[in-house]
C-alpha atoms as a PDB file:
ATOM      1  CA  MET A   1      55.153  57.042 128.668  1.00  0.00           C
ATOM      2  CA  LEU A   2      55.416  56.495 132.397  1.00  0.00           C
ATOM      3  CA  LEU A   3      54.039  53.104 133.358  1.00  0.00           C
ATOM      4  CA  ASP A   4      53.228  52.102 136.913  1.00  0.00           C
ATOM      5  CA  LEU A   5      53.441  48.333 137.214  1.00  0.00           C
ATOM      6  CA  VAL A   6      50.791  48.266 139.945  1.00  0.00           C
ATOM      7  CA  LEU A   7      47.440  49.222 138.419  1.00  0.00           C
ATOM      8  CA  PRO A   8      43.934  48.409 139.671  1.00  0.00           C
ATOM      9  CA  ASP A   9      43.022  46.270 136.669  1.00  0.00           C
ATOM     10  CA  SER A  10      46.416  45.031 135.521  1.00  0.00           C
ATOM     11  CA  GLY A  11      49.935  44.784 136.801  1.00  0.00           C
ATOM     12  CA  GLY A  12      53.421  43.423 136.523  1.00  0.00           C
ATOM     13  CA  LEU A  13      55.356  42.406 133.484  1.00  0.00           C
ATOM     14  CA  HIS A  14      52.190  41.356 131.625  1.00  0.00           C
ATOM     15  CA  THR A  15      50.978  44.964 131.672  1.00  0.00           C
ATOM     16  CA  CYS A  16      54.310  46.253 130.445  1.00  0.00           C
ATOM     17  CA  ILE A  17      54.397  43.825 127.529  1.00  0.00           C
ATOM     18  CA  LYS A  18      50.854  44.761 126.490  1.00  0.00           C
ATOM     19  CA  VAL A  19      51.652  48.486 126.646  1.00  0.00           C
ATOM     20  CA  LEU A  20      54.855  48.008 124.661  1.00  0.00           C
ATOM     21  CA  GLN A  21      52.901  46.162 121.964  1.00  0.00           C
ATOM     22  CA  PHE A  22      50.162  48.800 121.858  1.00  0.00           C
ATOM     23  CA  ALA A  23      52.392  51.882 121.984  1.00  0.00           C
ATOM     24  CA  ARG A  24      55.137  50.883 119.571  1.00  0.00           C
ATOM     25  CA  GLY A  25      57.502  53.747 118.987  1.00  0.00           C
ATOM     26  CA  CYS A  26      56.723  55.371 122.319  1.00  0.00           C
ATOM     27  CA  PRO A  27      59.508  55.213 124.903  1.00  0.00           C
ATOM     28  CA  VAL A  28      58.265  53.553 128.096  1.00  0.00           C
ATOM     29  CA  ILE A  29      59.690  54.185 131.558  1.00  0.00           C
ATOM     30  CA  VAL A  30      58.573  51.732 134.220  1.00  0.00           C
ATOM     31  CA  LEU A  31      57.802  52.950 137.736  1.00  0.00           C
ATOM     32  CA  THR A  32      58.339  50.336 140.401  1.00  0.00           C
ATOM     33  CA  ALA A  33      58.366  49.975 144.156  1.00  0.00           C
ATOM     34  CA  ILE A  34      61.505  48.970 146.041  1.00  0.00           C
ATOM     35  CA  GLY A  35      61.875  45.199 145.846  1.00  0.00           C
ATOM     36  CA  ASP A  36      60.542  44.941 142.289  1.00  0.00           C
ATOM     37  CA  GLU A  37      63.920  45.395 140.617  1.00  0.00           C
ATOM     38  CA  ASN A  38      63.766  41.972 138.931  1.00  0.00           C
ATOM     39  CA  ILE A  39      60.449  42.831 137.303  1.00  0.00           C
ATOM     40  CA  ALA A  40      61.835  46.204 136.237  1.00  0.00           C
ATOM     41  CA  CYS A  41      64.838  44.530 134.616  1.00  0.00           C
ATOM     42  CA  ASP A  42      62.516  42.050 132.888  1.00  0.00           C
ATOM     43  CA  ALA A  43      60.502  45.026 131.588  1.00  0.00           C
ATOM     44  CA  MET A  44      63.665  46.543 130.127  1.00  0.00           C
ATOM     45  CA  ARG A  45      64.506  43.246 128.439  1.00  0.00           C
ATOM     46  CA  ALA A  46      60.979  43.327 126.980  1.00  0.00           C
ATOM     47  CA  GLY A  47      61.571  46.811 125.532  1.00  0.00           C
ATOM     48  CA  ALA A  48      61.082  49.447 128.238  1.00  0.00           C
ATOM     49  CA  GLN A  49      63.707  52.180 128.051  1.00  0.00           C
ATOM     50  CA  ASP A  50      64.298  52.648 131.773  1.00  0.00           C
ATOM     51  CA  TYR A  51      62.855  52.194 135.225  1.00  0.00           C
ATOM     52  CA  LEU A  52      62.584  54.351 138.319  1.00  0.00           C
ATOM     53  CA  PHE A  53      61.890  53.423 141.890  1.00  0.00           C
ATOM     54  CA  LYS A  54      58.841  55.394 143.020  1.00  0.00           C
ATOM     55  CA  SER A  55      60.326  56.137 146.416  1.00  0.00           C
ATOM     56  CA  GLU A  56      63.485  57.617 144.885  1.00  0.00           C
ATOM     57  CA  ALA A  57      61.991  59.497 141.933  1.00  0.00           C
ATOM     58  CA  ASP A  58      62.154  63.272 142.041  1.00  0.00           C
ATOM     59  CA  ALA A  59      61.803  65.972 139.390  1.00  0.00           C
ATOM     60  CA  ARG A  60      65.473  65.836 138.421  1.00  0.00           C
ATOM     61  CA  SER A  61      65.674  62.050 138.035  1.00  0.00           C
ATOM     62  CA  LEU A  62      62.359  61.986 136.182  1.00  0.00           C
ATOM     63  CA  ARG A  63      63.496  64.656 133.683  1.00  0.00           C
ATOM     64  CA  ARG A  64      66.761  62.787 133.155  1.00  0.00           C
ATOM     65  CA  ALA A  65      65.037  59.423 132.659  1.00  0.00           C
ATOM     66  CA  ILE A  66      62.575  60.899 130.163  1.00  0.00           C
ATOM     67  CA  ARG A  67      65.302  62.688 128.206  1.00  0.00           C
ATOM     68  CA  TYR A  68      67.479  59.559 128.046  1.00  0.00           C
ATOM     69  CA  ALA A  69      64.554  57.283 127.184  1.00  0.00           C
ATOM     70  CA  VAL A  70      63.595  59.491 124.240  1.00  0.00           C
ATOM     71  CA  GLU A  71      67.205  59.609 123.038  1.00  0.00           C
ATOM     72  CA  ARG A  72      67.601  55.824 123.326  1.00  0.00           C
ATOM     73  CA  LYS A  73      64.351  55.243 121.483  1.00  0.00           C
ATOM     74  CA  ASN A  74      65.406  57.605 118.683  1.00  0.00           C
ATOM     75  CA  ALA A  75      68.891  56.062 118.373  1.00  0.00           C
END
C-alpha cells in the first residue's frame, strides 16, 4: 500500500498508525514531502516498510521500494 501522509481528511503519523492497524499484513510505503523525514522515520518505527520522498520518486525507485517492502513483510 502506498500511503500519502497528507490527506484531505487525515494526515501525519496518526493516519499511518490507523492504516497499519486496519491493513495488518499489508506492506505500507509512506509517501512524504521533503522536510517530513522525521515523520517518515516515525512511521517506519510504527510498522511501515519504507518511505519515499514525493519529489524524488520515479518509476524505478517506486518499483524497488515496493519489491523490497513486500520482501521485508514476508521475511
